[in-house]
Amino acid sequence: MAAATLNATQAQVFATTEGNDTEVNQVQVFAAAAEPSDNVDVSQVQMFAIENSNGHQLDVSQVQVFALVRGAVSDPRVRAWTFTLDGHDFYILRLGNEETLVYDLSTEQWYSWGTGSNALWQAYTGINWTGGNRLSAVAGSNVTVGSDANGTIWFLDPDRDRDGGLFPESVPAPFLRRVTGQVLSKGYSSYRVNQVQLLGSIGSLTEPDFNTIRLSYSDDRGHTYVDAGTVTISDEDYEARVDWRSLGSFRQPGRLFRLEDFGALRRVDSLTMTTDMTDAP
């Protein structure tokens, strides 16, 4: 909950008494405010009072006040929009202010797009702007997207590894890329993982600082992950081997593998697991 000052205004007051006058000094105020919230004044109060059988009036003292304030950030609406980029048609679902889901009609896969390491993408809406075609060679595409924070408009460039900020002086920041795959297992057999090898666009770095790939794995359906470590690769080292060894063992229902980087990989072709069990999945 965010801290917000609640006075008696937008509150609803409910009071009951059994025979004595109720005064204003024993008030209990319960408020839930979504961040950010402005101060709530006392003028918009709705007061509901139940008098006792003797008809005594109820003052504001032993009242319990329940107030609920919803700020702009707690917007529960789902917003949908589309655009075409790099030969793919994308369908965007912004789930309030919690997460942005993206469906790629070409691959028929769902993705989560966010800003930095967050699940919410700072782009609020967007479109393929016909008037931006002449700028696409420099901007990267004719897709323009906008922010609901301050109205900033960006062009989407599929070849960049940094997101622009909300202000002209903002330094473009990297964003996390995450790929998850699963190996299923049935029965009571246990499988020892000797090696996991990654194939993809190894050595095609866009920035020398974005040169690490992290692997983690989960044996409890994604509730917790074990860090298997990072591999550092060099630019133009196209023959580099990216693998992790001696990753323990797992049994049913299987193991989840998760790759994370900030620009070291332009493409993931496969993640291959080798094991000493002949009946491994």
Foldseek 3Di string as FASTA:
>chain_A
DDDEAEDQAQWEKEDEDADDEAEQAQEAEAEDEDPPDYHHYNHHYHYDYDDHPVRHDYYNRNIYIYYYYYDQQQAQDWDWDWEAAPNWTWIWIFGRNQAIWIATPVVRDIDQDPAAAGRGHQFDYKYQDPVCPVVCVPQQGSIWTFGPPQTDIHRDHLPDQFQDDPDPPDDTHGHKDKDKDWFFADDDDKWWWFKKWWDAQAQAFPDQVFFKKWKWKDQPVPPDIDTQDIDGGHHPPRVDTDMGGGPGMHHPRTMMMMMMTRGRGPTTDDMDTDTPDPPGD
